[in-house]
Amino acid sequence: MFGINDFSRNNKLLGILSVLMIIYTGILLYSQSIRSISYWDIFVYLQNAMLFSGNNIGSQLSVPPVLSLLTSVPFKLGFISETSLFVVSGILFIFLIIGMYLLFNERFDCEISLLASLIFSMLSLIVTWALTGATDVPALSFGVWALLFTIWGLNKDFKYYYPAFLFFILAFFTRFTEGFILIVMGYYLLINFEKFKKQLTVKNILPFVVYVLIIGLIICGVYLSFQGTIPFISQFLEVSSSSQVSSVNVGYELNPYYYLQNLPEYLTSFNASDSYFVSLSTSDNSPTPLSYAFILLVVIYLLKFLSKLVNYDICEVDNKNIKIAAIILLSIFTIISYTHLSYMITELVFIVILLLYYRWLPDKDNQMDYLMLLWIGIYIIMHSYHPVKVDRYIIPILIPLTYFVTTSIQFILKDKKKVLIALLIILILMIPVNASYLSSITHENQHTHEEKVAAEWLGQYDPNYKSYNISSDRGVVFSWYLKKYVYTTIPRVLEANNESLIDKLNSIEAKYYIDSTSNTTKIAGYQCIYDNNKDTRVKIYERK
């Protein structure tokens, strides 16, 4: 296994990777600056960044704050632009690839880690979301470093647990579900418990516990002081209970195999589908043959990994038949419980299976195999169970998938030189695929363009618009464009709650209502003063 000493020994390759990623990220930044922002949540992060920089145009402080806090820094310096969010995301993307390279060094030679990291950076789902301003990739960046420092903490020095915990906190408060990386971190310590317990001295534990408590108290104190509640607890409960999710949600999808069925599209796609800029979903794309080759490689290695259950020649363990039967029965229970019981039960049983598998069967040299399999499992179980399914949610599993593609090639070819040639060929094949895909998404969303035009028109129509209440079915979007708080009033959501649009508008005394997605034809007491008459229809109504 490679560690911190190898980092200094191989800093030349790390430098090459950093330069390549700066150039590549610059290309992605150019693409993203043209694409702009379409996704609802990203406007929320921009609003929060404005709040943290001292300008309140509306906020939702129940969402994780880290990305907005980081973006507020350039905002405070006067760079109030979507581009600031893209740049921050780009820096964290580079940070992710470097962390992934170092993590893979724990299993592979540095040259193999370099190629595998570059391959990961070109996967279609990563290219789509890396610099959008969504929290998935930034949170994964912190999660990778949290796991890496945990490994170093066990194998090098206890002091690395301090940044490991800090990066876990950053990951969690960038995207709450990324907190599940703690399971992977804890699993690594459990399978190395004999070594870990030697570190559990009063000298080590007491300062670390104080450190954890201080960080925890500060975070809880800030939330309770400013919000009077701790929002991530309620969000955790919401994820645990599908009953709290309405079919009105645009991501409502009950198919538990959604992510597995669309996995090829996430890996490599020739081009974005014609409907991409409407649905913002990569699931409608056309995958390349490389995707199926990747999946085949992953399956080959997982079959090799599981073959220990039936390879009795190497199963020199006590009561081997009973232990193998127990693992099989627990696995059957996991499959049966999948989406039928609370996902936490399924997660727990899955973790127990991998712990028993590691404890009871030999060939424990490659602990990273277990970590990566657990990493895939916990995120697929959690997100497949939940009725809201969005492609970007499954981004965390792409790191372990890249890992298993690499281990499979290494298992098949054995020789390092052949492995490097195979990975280099894959990387070369991916460059034109990536270029074609990136080109297909490098244009502005027509809907976003029309919303900007409508906002500019309203500013010219009524220079005093900031003095009035404004509402829209895309309130967070127009809050950003108009740089004032705009109420979010969505007709279909109101109807689901037996409310009417006009009653809601009257209650907030809205002078203007901007219809961006609801296709209203008329609103009692309001007159349409703007209609772009385009396929992506945007209307502005003014109170009579």
Protein backbone atom coordinates (compact mmCIF):
# COMPACT_ATOMS: atom_id res chain seq x y z
CA MET A 1 0.00 0.00 0.00
CA PHE A 2 1.11 3.51 -0.73
CA GLY A 3 0.96 6.34 1.76
CA ILE A 4 2.19 9.77 2.68
CA ASN A 5 5.87 8.96 2.03
CA ASP A 6 5.05 7.93 -1.53
CA PHE A 7 3.28 11.28 -1.98
CA SER A 8 6.63 13.09 -1.63
CA ARG A 9 8.41 10.48 -3.74
CA ASN A 10 5.92 10.81 -6.55
CA ASN A 11 5.26 14.54 -6.39
CA LYS A 12 6.33 14.87 -10.02
CA LEU A 13 3.31 12.89 -11.18
CA LEU A 14 1.13 14.83 -8.78
CA GLY A 15 2.42 18.04 -10.32
CA ILE A 16 1.64 16.76 -13.82
CA LEU A 17 -1.86 15.78 -12.71
CA SER A 18 -2.41 19.21 -11.15
CA VAL A 19 -1.35 21.01 -14.35
CA LEU A 20 -3.54 18.76 -16.52
CA MET A 21 -6.52 19.31 -14.23
CA ILE A 22 -6.07 23.10 -14.20
CA ILE A 23 -6.15 23.10 -18.01
CA TYR A 24 -9.08 20.66 -18.17
CA THR A 25 -11.02 22.54 -15.50
CA GLY A 26 -10.48 25.74 -17.46
CA ILE A 27 -12.19 24.08 -20.43
CA LEU A 28 -15.08 22.95 -18.23
CA LEU A 29 -15.33 26.46 -16.78
CA TYR A 30 -15.63 27.95 -20.28
CA SER A 31 -18.37 25.44 -21.10
CA GLN A 32 -20.23 26.11 -17.87
CA SER A 33 -20.06 29.89 -18.28
CA ILE A 34 -21.90 29.45 -21.59
CA ARG A 35 -24.41 26.95 -20.19
CA SER A 36 -25.15 29.17 -17.19
CA ILE A 37 -27.55 27.91 -14.51
CA SER A 38 -30.85 26.14 -14.92
CA TYR A 39 -31.15 23.99 -11.83
CA TRP A 40 -33.36 25.24 -8.98
CA ASP A 41 -31.10 24.29 -6.06
CA ILE A 42 -28.10 26.14 -7.48
CA PHE A 43 -29.98 29.44 -7.33
CA VAL A 44 -30.60 28.71 -3.64
CA TYR A 45 -26.84 28.40 -3.07
CA LEU A 46 -26.32 31.72 -4.86
CA GLN A 47 -28.96 33.36 -2.66
CA ASN A 48 -27.28 32.02 0.45
CA ALA A 49 -23.89 33.21 -0.80
CA MET A 50 -25.40 36.67 -1.20
CA LEU A 51 -26.70 36.49 2.38
CA PHE A 52 -23.30 35.41 3.73
CA SER A 53 -21.69 38.30 1.85
CA GLY A 54 -24.09 40.78 3.46
CA ASN A 55 -26.83 41.10 0.81
CA ASN A 56 -30.09 39.34 1.61
CA ILE A 57 -32.15 38.58 -1.50
CA GLY A 58 -33.79 35.58 0.12
CA SER A 59 -32.25 32.48 1.62
CA GLN A 60 -32.91 28.89 2.61
CA LEU A 61 -30.54 28.20 5.47
CA SER A 62 -31.85 24.66 5.92
CA VAL A 63 -29.61 23.56 3.03
CA PRO A 64 -25.91 22.78 3.63
CA PRO A 65 -23.94 26.05 3.82
CA VAL A 66 -20.30 25.26 2.93
CA LEU A 67 -20.42 25.86 -0.84
CA SER A 68 -22.32 29.11 -0.32
CA LEU A 69 -19.88 30.22 2.38
CA LEU A 70 -16.94 29.62 0.05
CA THR A 71 -18.70 31.46 -2.79
CA SER A 72 -19.44 34.41 -0.52
CA VAL A 73 -15.71 35.15 -0.38
CA PRO A 74 -15.45 36.36 -4.02
CA PHE A 75 -18.88 37.96 -3.58
CA LYS A 76 -17.48 40.08 -0.72
CA LEU A 77 -14.63 41.08 -3.01
CA GLY A 78 -17.16 42.41 -5.51
CA PHE A 79 -17.27 39.46 -7.92
CA ILE A 80 -21.04 38.91 -7.62
CA SER A 81 -21.57 36.58 -10.52
CA GLU A 82 -22.52 33.00 -11.31
CA THR A 83 -18.95 32.60 -12.53
CA SER A 84 -17.68 32.93 -8.95
CA LEU A 85 -19.68 29.86 -8.00
CA PHE A 86 -18.31 28.00 -11.04
CA VAL A 87 -14.72 28.93 -10.13
CA VAL A 88 -15.15 27.74 -6.53
CA SER A 89 -16.64 24.49 -7.84
CA GLY A 90 -13.70 24.16 -10.25
CA ILE A 91 -11.15 24.52 -7.47
CA LEU A 92 -12.93 21.82 -5.47
CA PHE A 93 -13.05 19.61 -8.58
CA ILE A 94 -9.25 19.82 -8.91
CA PHE A 95 -9.02 19.11 -5.18
CA LEU A 96 -11.23 16.02 -5.71
CA ILE A 97 -9.07 14.56 -8.48
CA ILE A 98 -5.88 15.10 -6.48
CA GLY A 99 -7.49 13.42 -3.46
CA MET A 100 -8.70 10.55 -5.63
CA TYR A 101 -5.18 10.10 -7.03
CA LEU A 102 -3.73 9.88 -3.52
CA LEU A 103 -6.51 7.54 -2.38
CA PHE A 104 -5.90 5.23 -5.33
CA ASN A 105 -2.19 5.26 -4.46
CA GLU A 106 -3.19 3.22 -1.42
CA ARG A 107 -3.91 0.36 -3.84
CA PHE A 108 -2.19 1.07 -7.17
CA ASP A 109 1.12 2.32 -8.48
CA CYS A 110 1.15 6.08 -8.95
CA GLU A 111 1.10 5.87 -12.77
CA ILE A 112 -2.03 3.71 -12.66
CA SER A 113 -3.63 6.06 -10.14
CA LEU A 114 -2.89 9.01 -12.43
CA LEU A 115 -4.60 7.42 -15.45
CA ALA A 116 -7.56 6.16 -13.41
CA SER A 117 -8.13 9.64 -11.95
CA LEU A 118 -8.08 11.22 -15.41
CA ILE A 119 -10.55 8.62 -16.70
CA PHE A 120 -12.88 9.42 -13.81
CA SER A 121 -12.70 13.14 -14.60
CA MET A 122 -14.05 12.44 -18.11
CA LEU A 123 -17.10 10.38 -17.16
CA SER A 124 -20.21 11.99 -18.64
CA LEU A 125 -22.03 12.50 -15.35
CA ILE A 126 -18.95 14.16 -13.88
CA VAL A 127 -18.49 16.40 -16.93
CA THR A 128 -22.16 17.38 -16.71
CA TRP A 129 -22.17 18.43 -13.05
CA ALA A 130 -18.57 19.15 -11.99
CA LEU A 131 -18.75 22.94 -12.26
CA THR A 132 -22.49 23.62 -12.31
CA GLY A 133 -22.57 24.90 -8.75
CA ALA A 134 -24.41 21.83 -7.49
CA THR A 135 -23.04 20.44 -4.24
CA ASP A 136 -22.56 16.80 -5.28
CA VAL A 137 -19.00 17.02 -6.65
CA PRO A 138 -17.72 19.51 -4.02
CA ALA A 139 -19.10 17.31 -1.23
CA LEU A 140 -17.48 14.24 -2.78
CA SER A 141 -14.19 16.13 -2.82
CA PHE A 142 -14.28 16.61 0.94
CA GLY A 143 -15.50 13.02 1.43
CA VAL A 144 -12.53 11.56 -0.47
CA TRP A 145 -10.09 13.53 1.67
CA ALA A 146 -11.91 12.47 4.85
CA LEU A 147 -11.44 8.81 3.91
CA LEU A 148 -7.84 9.37 2.83
CA PHE A 149 -6.89 11.02 6.12
CA THR A 150 -8.63 8.20 8.02
CA ILE A 151 -6.40 5.68 6.24
CA TRP A 152 -3.34 7.79 7.00
CA GLY A 153 -4.50 8.21 10.61
CA LEU A 154 -4.49 4.44 11.11
CA ASN A 155 -1.32 3.67 9.19
CA LYS A 156 0.83 6.75 9.75
CA ASP A 157 -0.05 8.95 12.68
CA PHE A 158 -3.07 9.54 14.92
CA LYS A 159 -2.91 13.25 14.12
CA TYR A 160 -4.40 12.60 10.68
CA TYR A 161 -7.74 11.80 12.31
CA TYR A 162 -8.11 15.52 13.05
CA PRO A 163 -8.26 16.61 9.39
CA ALA A 164 -10.22 13.42 8.64
CA PHE A 165 -12.99 14.57 10.99
CA LEU A 166 -12.77 18.14 9.72
CA PHE A 167 -13.15 17.02 6.10
CA PHE A 168 -16.06 14.78 7.11
CA ILE A 169 -17.76 17.83 8.63
CA LEU A 170 -17.08 19.83 5.45
CA ALA A 171 -18.46 16.99 3.33
CA PHE A 172 -21.58 16.71 5.48
CA PHE A 173 -22.22 20.45 5.49
CA THR A 174 -21.69 20.65 1.75
CA ARG A 175 -24.23 17.92 1.09
CA PHE A 176 -25.89 16.11 3.99
CA THR A 177 -26.03 12.72 2.27
CA GLU A 178 -22.27 12.80 1.74
CA GLY A 179 -22.11 12.24 5.49
CA PHE A 180 -22.56 8.54 4.70
CA ILE A 181 -18.83 8.50 3.93
CA LEU A 182 -18.52 8.18 7.72
CA ILE A 183 -19.75 4.58 7.33
CA VAL A 184 -16.84 3.82 5.00
CA MET A 185 -14.40 5.52 7.37
CA GLY A 186 -15.77 3.58 10.35
CA TYR A 187 -15.72 0.30 8.42
CA TYR A 188 -12.03 0.75 7.66
CA LEU A 189 -11.28 1.17 11.34
CA LEU A 190 -13.43 -1.83 12.29
CA ILE A 191 -11.69 -4.24 9.90
CA ASN A 192 -8.41 -3.00 11.35
CA PHE A 193 -9.64 -2.91 14.91
CA GLU A 194 -6.65 -4.74 16.39
CA LYS A 195 -4.41 -2.00 15.04
CA PHE A 196 -6.87 0.77 15.80
CA LYS A 197 -7.35 -0.15 19.47
CA LYS A 198 -3.62 0.30 20.07
CA GLN A 199 -4.19 3.96 19.23
CA LEU A 200 -7.01 4.29 21.76
CA THR A 201 -4.89 5.69 24.55
CA VAL A 202 -5.94 8.49 26.89
CA LYS A 203 -3.23 10.67 25.36
CA ASN A 204 -4.78 10.28 21.91
CA ILE A 205 -8.48 10.02 22.67
CA LEU A 206 -9.03 12.80 25.20
CA PRO A 207 -7.81 15.71 23.01
CA PHE A 208 -9.62 14.26 19.98
CA VAL A 209 -12.92 13.98 21.87
CA VAL A 210 -12.55 17.57 23.06
CA TYR A 211 -11.81 18.61 19.46
CA VAL A 212 -14.95 16.83 18.19
CA LEU A 213 -17.12 18.26 20.96
CA ILE A 214 -15.90 21.82 20.36
CA ILE A 215 -16.66 21.60 16.63
CA GLY A 216 -20.04 20.00 17.33
CA LEU A 217 -21.03 22.59 19.91
CA ILE A 218 -19.98 25.48 17.66
CA ILE A 219 -22.03 24.13 14.74
CA CYS A 220 -25.12 23.39 16.84
CA GLY A 221 -24.78 26.72 18.62
CA VAL A 222 -24.66 28.66 15.34
CA TYR A 223 -27.72 26.86 13.97
CA LEU A 224 -29.73 27.24 17.17
CA SER A 225 -28.78 30.90 17.49
CA PHE A 226 -29.70 31.89 13.95
CA GLN A 227 -32.45 29.38 13.10
CA GLY A 228 -33.67 27.98 16.39
CA THR A 229 -33.40 24.46 14.98
CA ILE A 230 -30.91 21.98 13.56
CA PRO A 231 -32.17 21.41 9.98
CA PHE A 232 -30.07 18.42 9.00
CA ILE A 233 -31.90 16.25 11.54
CA SER A 234 -35.24 16.85 9.83
CA GLN A 235 -33.65 16.32 6.40
CA PHE A 236 -32.24 13.00 7.58
CA LEU A 237 -35.69 11.94 8.74
CA GLU A 238 -37.14 13.02 5.40
CA VAL A 239 -34.66 10.85 3.50
CA SER A 240 -35.54 7.97 5.81
CA SER A 241 -39.27 8.28 5.12
CA SER A 242 -40.58 8.23 1.56
CA SER A 243 -44.03 9.17 2.83
CA GLN A 244 -42.85 12.78 3.18
CA VAL A 245 -42.23 13.11 -0.55
CA SER A 246 -45.01 14.19 -2.88
CA SER A 247 -45.46 13.01 -6.46
CA VAL A 248 -45.54 16.73 -7.34
CA ASN A 249 -41.74 16.67 -7.05
CA VAL A 250 -40.23 16.70 -10.56
CA GLY A 251 -37.77 13.96 -9.58
CA TYR A 252 -40.47 11.61 -8.29
CA GLU A 253 -39.52 8.13 -9.52
CA LEU A 254 -40.50 4.87 -7.78
CA ASN A 255 -38.42 2.52 -9.93
CA PRO A 256 -35.84 1.09 -7.45
CA TYR A 257 -33.54 0.10 -10.32
CA TYR A 258 -33.49 3.56 -11.89
CA TYR A 259 -29.80 4.21 -11.25
CA LEU A 260 -28.64 0.74 -12.26
CA GLN A 261 -30.64 0.88 -15.49
CA ASN A 262 -29.20 4.26 -16.41
CA LEU A 263 -25.62 3.52 -15.35
CA PRO A 264 -24.30 3.26 -18.96
CA GLU A 265 -25.51 6.80 -19.69
CA TYR A 266 -23.72 8.10 -16.61
CA LEU A 267 -20.37 6.64 -17.64
CA THR A 268 -19.90 7.74 -21.24
CA SER A 269 -22.29 9.30 -23.75
CA PHE A 270 -21.69 10.47 -27.30
CA ASN A 271 -23.92 13.51 -26.97
CA ALA A 272 -26.51 14.98 -24.66
CA SER A 273 -30.04 14.07 -25.70
CA ASP A 274 -32.27 16.62 -27.41
CA SER A 275 -34.36 16.77 -24.24
CA TYR A 276 -31.41 17.34 -21.92
CA PHE A 277 -31.91 21.08 -21.57
CA VAL A 278 -35.56 20.45 -20.71
CA SER A 279 -35.16 17.56 -18.28
CA LEU A 280 -31.54 18.26 -17.17
CA SER A 281 -31.21 14.47 -17.07
CA THR A 282 -28.34 12.47 -18.55
CA SER A 283 -30.49 9.33 -18.37
CA ASP A 284 -31.92 10.13 -21.81
CA ASN A 285 -28.49 10.14 -23.47
CA SER A 286 -27.08 7.43 -25.74
CA PRO A 287 -24.20 5.55 -24.07
CA THR A 288 -21.05 4.56 -25.93
CA PRO A 289 -19.71 0.99 -26.10
CA LEU A 290 -17.09 2.05 -23.54
CA SER A 291 -19.82 2.21 -20.89
CA TYR A 292 -20.70 -1.44 -21.38
CA ALA A 293 -17.01 -2.38 -21.38
CA PHE A 294 -16.62 -0.60 -18.02
CA ILE A 295 -19.64 -2.38 -16.58
CA LEU A 296 -18.35 -5.75 -17.82
CA LEU A 297 -14.98 -5.09 -16.18
CA VAL A 298 -16.68 -4.20 -12.88
CA VAL A 299 -18.81 -7.36 -13.02
CA ILE A 300 -15.73 -9.51 -13.74
CA TYR A 301 -13.89 -8.21 -10.72
CA LEU A 302 -16.90 -8.43 -8.41
CA LEU A 303 -17.40 -12.05 -9.46
CA LYS A 304 -13.75 -12.69 -8.69
CA PHE A 305 -14.21 -10.96 -5.33
CA LEU A 306 -17.27 -13.06 -4.48
CA SER A 307 -15.76 -16.29 -5.75
CA LYS A 308 -14.22 -16.86 -2.33
CA LEU A 309 -17.65 -18.00 -1.19
CA VAL A 310 -17.50 -21.06 -3.44
CA ASN A 311 -13.75 -21.60 -3.64
CA TYR A 312 -13.50 -24.14 -0.87
CA ASP A 313 -9.78 -24.77 -1.44
CA ILE A 314 -8.87 -21.42 0.04
CA CYS A 315 -11.67 -21.28 2.63
CA GLU A 316 -9.54 -22.71 5.44
CA VAL A 317 -11.74 -21.37 8.23
CA ASP A 318 -13.59 -22.97 11.10
CA ASN A 319 -17.22 -23.89 10.44
CA LYS A 320 -16.80 -22.61 6.90
CA ASN A 321 -20.11 -24.02 5.64
CA ILE A 322 -22.08 -22.40 8.46
CA LYS A 323 -20.34 -19.07 7.92
CA ILE A 324 -20.85 -19.13 4.17
CA ALA A 325 -24.51 -20.07 4.67
CA ALA A 326 -24.93 -17.16 7.10
CA ILE A 327 -23.50 -14.69 4.57
CA ILE A 328 -25.75 -16.06 1.82
CA LEU A 329 -28.87 -15.89 4.02
CA LEU A 330 -28.10 -12.34 5.07
CA SER A 331 -27.56 -11.44 1.42
CA ILE A 332 -30.95 -12.93 0.50
CA PHE A 333 -32.54 -10.92 3.32
CA THR A 334 -30.86 -7.76 1.98
CA ILE A 335 -32.30 -8.39 -1.49
CA ILE A 336 -35.78 -9.11 -0.09
CA SER A 337 -35.71 -6.08 2.24
CA TYR A 338 -34.53 -3.79 -0.56
CA THR A 339 -37.09 -0.95 -0.84
CA HIS A 340 -39.57 -2.87 1.35
CA LEU A 341 -38.17 -1.94 4.76
CA SER A 342 -36.46 1.22 5.93
CA TYR A 343 -33.31 1.73 3.90
CA MET A 344 -31.40 2.00 7.19
CA ILE A 345 -32.17 -1.65 7.93
CA THR A 346 -30.95 -2.71 4.50
CA GLU A 347 -27.84 -0.55 4.92
CA LEU A 348 -27.11 -2.08 8.32
CA VAL A 349 -27.46 -5.66 7.08
CA PHE A 350 -25.26 -4.87 4.07
CA ILE A 351 -22.55 -3.46 6.35
CA VAL A 352 -22.76 -6.56 8.59
CA ILE A 353 -22.39 -8.81 5.53
CA LEU A 354 -19.18 -7.09 4.45
CA LEU A 355 -17.80 -7.16 7.99
CA LEU A 356 -18.47 -10.90 8.28
CA TYR A 357 -17.15 -11.49 4.77
CA TYR A 358 -13.89 -9.82 5.70
CA ARG A 359 -13.61 -11.49 9.12
CA TRP A 360 -14.51 -15.01 8.09
CA LEU A 361 -12.84 -15.47 4.72
CA PRO A 362 -9.15 -15.26 3.86
CA ASP A 363 -7.34 -13.06 1.31
CA LYS A 364 -7.55 -9.82 3.27
CA ASP A 365 -4.69 -8.07 1.51
CA ASN A 366 -6.83 -5.73 -0.56
CA GLN A 367 -8.89 -3.90 2.04
CA MET A 368 -9.67 -1.19 -0.50
CA ASP A 369 -11.87 -3.71 -2.34
CA TYR A 370 -14.13 -3.93 0.69
CA LEU A 371 -14.18 -0.16 1.19
CA MET A 372 -15.12 0.47 -2.42
CA LEU A 373 -17.82 -2.20 -2.47
CA LEU A 374 -19.30 -0.74 0.71
CA TRP A 375 -19.08 2.75 -0.82
CA ILE A 376 -21.10 1.67 -3.85
CA GLY A 377 -23.62 -0.27 -1.80
CA ILE A 378 -24.57 2.34 0.77
CA TYR A 379 -25.22 5.05 -1.83
CA ILE A 380 -27.14 2.82 -4.24
CA ILE A 381 -29.32 1.50 -1.42
CA MET A 382 -30.03 4.94 0.00
CA HIS A 383 -30.79 6.73 -3.28
CA SER A 384 -32.62 3.83 -4.92
CA TYR A 385 -34.91 3.57 -1.90
CA HIS A 386 -35.84 7.24 -1.92
CA PRO A 387 -38.68 8.18 -4.31
CA VAL A 388 -36.89 11.31 -5.57
CA LYS A 389 -34.23 10.22 -8.04
CA VAL A 390 -31.96 12.70 -9.78
CA ASP A 391 -28.95 11.59 -11.81
CA ARG A 392 -26.42 13.70 -9.93
CA TYR A 393 -27.32 12.06 -6.60
CA ILE A 394 -25.47 8.90 -7.64
CA ILE A 395 -22.18 10.67 -8.46
CA PRO A 396 -20.41 9.26 -5.33
CA ILE A 397 -20.47 5.69 -6.71
CA LEU A 398 -18.42 6.69 -9.77
CA ILE A 399 -15.19 6.70 -7.75
CA PRO A 400 -15.53 3.06 -6.61
CA LEU A 401 -16.73 2.09 -10.10
CA THR A 402 -13.56 3.61 -11.57
CA TYR A 403 -11.60 1.73 -8.93
CA PHE A 404 -13.17 -1.61 -9.90
CA VAL A 405 -12.59 -0.96 -13.60
CA THR A 406 -8.92 -0.44 -12.76
CA THR A 407 -8.63 -3.46 -10.46
CA SER A 408 -10.34 -5.64 -13.06
CA ILE A 409 -7.84 -4.62 -15.74
CA GLN A 410 -5.03 -5.28 -13.29
CA PHE A 411 -6.52 -8.69 -12.40
CA ILE A 412 -6.86 -9.69 -16.07
CA LEU A 413 -3.54 -8.39 -17.42
CA LYS A 414 -1.33 -8.82 -14.32
CA ASP A 415 1.69 -7.06 -15.83
CA LYS A 416 1.97 -3.39 -14.85
CA LYS A 417 3.12 -2.27 -18.29
CA LYS A 418 0.13 -3.96 -19.94
CA VAL A 419 -2.21 -2.39 -17.39
CA LEU A 420 -0.80 1.05 -18.11
CA ILE A 421 -1.17 0.52 -21.86
CA ALA A 422 -4.79 -0.62 -21.41
CA LEU A 423 -5.65 2.40 -19.24
CA LEU A 424 -3.88 4.73 -21.65
CA ILE A 425 -5.89 3.31 -24.56
CA ILE A 426 -9.12 3.85 -22.59
CA LEU A 427 -8.08 7.42 -21.82
CA ILE A 428 -7.26 8.10 -25.48
CA LEU A 429 -10.63 6.68 -26.53
CA MET A 430 -12.39 8.82 -23.97
CA ILE A 431 -10.87 12.10 -25.15
CA PRO A 432 -12.93 12.38 -28.39
CA VAL A 433 -16.00 11.00 -26.61
CA ASN A 434 -15.58 13.58 -23.89
CA ALA A 435 -14.97 16.37 -26.41
CA SER A 436 -18.11 15.41 -28.36
CA TYR A 437 -20.23 15.24 -25.22
CA LEU A 438 -18.87 18.50 -23.84
CA SER A 439 -19.54 20.20 -27.17
CA SER A 440 -23.15 18.97 -27.14
CA ILE A 441 -23.86 20.60 -23.77
CA THR A 442 -21.91 23.82 -24.38
CA HIS A 443 -24.73 26.17 -25.22
CA GLU A 444 -27.10 28.18 -23.11
CA ASN A 445 -30.36 26.65 -21.99
CA GLN A 446 -33.07 28.46 -23.95
CA HIS A 447 -35.29 28.54 -20.89
CA THR A 448 -32.56 30.19 -18.83
CA HIS A 449 -31.98 32.73 -21.58
CA GLU A 450 -35.66 33.66 -21.74
CA GLU A 451 -35.83 34.06 -17.95
CA LYS A 452 -32.89 36.47 -18.04
CA VAL A 453 -34.51 38.45 -20.85
CA ALA A 454 -37.80 38.63 -18.92
CA ALA A 455 -36.02 39.84 -15.78
CA GLU A 456 -34.18 42.52 -17.75
CA TRP A 457 -37.44 43.60 -19.39
CA LEU A 458 -39.17 44.00 -16.02
CA GLY A 459 -36.25 46.11 -14.76
CA GLN A 460 -36.66 48.45 -17.70
CA TYR A 461 -40.47 48.45 -17.53
CA ASP A 462 -40.54 49.38 -13.86
CA PRO A 463 -37.25 50.77 -12.46
CA ASN A 464 -38.92 50.79 -9.01
CA TYR A 465 -39.77 47.07 -9.07
CA LYS A 466 -37.72 46.46 -5.92
CA SER A 467 -40.32 48.45 -3.98
CA TYR A 468 -43.05 45.88 -4.71
CA ASN A 469 -43.73 42.26 -3.85
CA ILE A 470 -43.07 39.94 -6.77
CA SER A 471 -43.99 36.27 -7.09
CA SER A 472 -43.08 33.53 -9.55
CA ASP A 473 -43.26 29.80 -10.01
CA ARG A 474 -39.45 30.00 -10.17
CA GLY A 475 -38.99 32.42 -7.29
CA VAL A 476 -35.38 31.54 -6.49
CA VAL A 477 -34.41 32.11 -10.12
CA PHE A 478 -35.87 35.59 -10.34
CA SER A 479 -34.60 36.49 -6.88
CA TRP A 480 -31.11 36.05 -8.33
CA TYR A 481 -31.74 37.85 -11.61
CA LEU A 482 -33.68 40.74 -10.04
CA LYS A 483 -31.43 40.87 -6.94
CA LYS A 484 -34.44 41.07 -4.61
CA TYR A 485 -36.55 38.50 -2.81
CA VAL A 486 -39.20 36.96 -5.09
CA TYR A 487 -41.88 34.73 -3.54
CA THR A 488 -42.12 31.20 -4.92
CA THR A 489 -45.71 30.42 -5.88
CA ILE A 490 -46.20 27.23 -7.92
CA PRO A 491 -49.78 26.61 -9.13
CA ARG A 492 -49.51 22.79 -9.26
CA VAL A 493 -48.22 22.68 -5.68
CA LEU A 494 -51.01 24.99 -4.53
CA GLU A 495 -53.59 22.79 -6.25
CA ALA A 496 -52.19 19.70 -4.55
CA ASN A 497 -52.76 21.50 -1.23
CA ASN A 498 -56.26 22.71 -2.22
CA GLU A 499 -55.11 26.32 -2.57
CA SER A 500 -55.53 28.73 -5.45
CA LEU A 501 -52.97 30.91 -7.19
CA ILE A 502 -55.00 34.11 -6.91
CA ASP A 503 -55.61 33.66 -3.17
CA LYS A 504 -51.89 33.18 -2.64
CA LEU A 505 -51.01 36.25 -4.70
CA ASN A 506 -53.56 38.33 -2.82
CA SER A 507 -52.20 37.16 0.52
CA ILE A 508 -48.72 38.44 -0.31
CA GLU A 509 -50.01 41.49 -2.20
CA ALA A 510 -47.93 40.67 -5.25
CA LYS A 511 -47.79 43.42 -7.85
CA TYR A 512 -46.14 41.15 -10.42
CA TYR A 513 -46.32 37.44 -11.10
CA ILE A 514 -43.78 35.81 -13.45
CA ASP A 515 -44.92 32.54 -15.01
CA SER A 516 -41.90 30.57 -16.22
CA THR A 517 -43.12 26.96 -16.25
CA SER A 518 -46.81 26.83 -15.31
CA ASN A 519 -48.39 27.88 -18.64
CA THR A 520 -51.10 30.03 -17.10
CA THR A 521 -53.54 31.62 -19.53
CA LYS A 522 -55.01 34.23 -17.24
CA ILE A 523 -55.02 35.29 -13.60
CA ALA A 524 -58.06 37.06 -12.16
CA GLY A 525 -57.24 40.65 -11.27
CA TYR A 526 -53.99 40.63 -13.26
CA GLN A 527 -53.12 41.58 -16.83
CA CYS A 528 -50.36 40.05 -18.95
CA ILE A 529 -47.80 42.75 -19.74
CA TYR A 530 -45.07 40.51 -21.15
CA ASP A 531 -45.23 37.35 -23.26
CA ASN A 532 -42.19 36.16 -25.18
CA ASN A 533 -44.34 33.85 -27.36
CA LYS A 534 -41.51 31.30 -27.56
CA ASP A 535 -41.49 27.55 -27.07
CA THR A 536 -40.08 28.22 -23.62
CA ARG A 537 -42.91 30.53 -22.63
CA VAL A 538 -42.34 33.22 -20.02
CA LYS A 539 -45.11 35.66 -19.05
CA ILE A 540 -45.24 38.56 -16.64
CA TYR A 541 -48.55 39.58 -15.05
CA GLU A 542 -49.21 42.89 -13.35
CA ARG A 543 -51.96 43.56 -10.83
CA LYS A 544 -54.67 45.76 -12.39
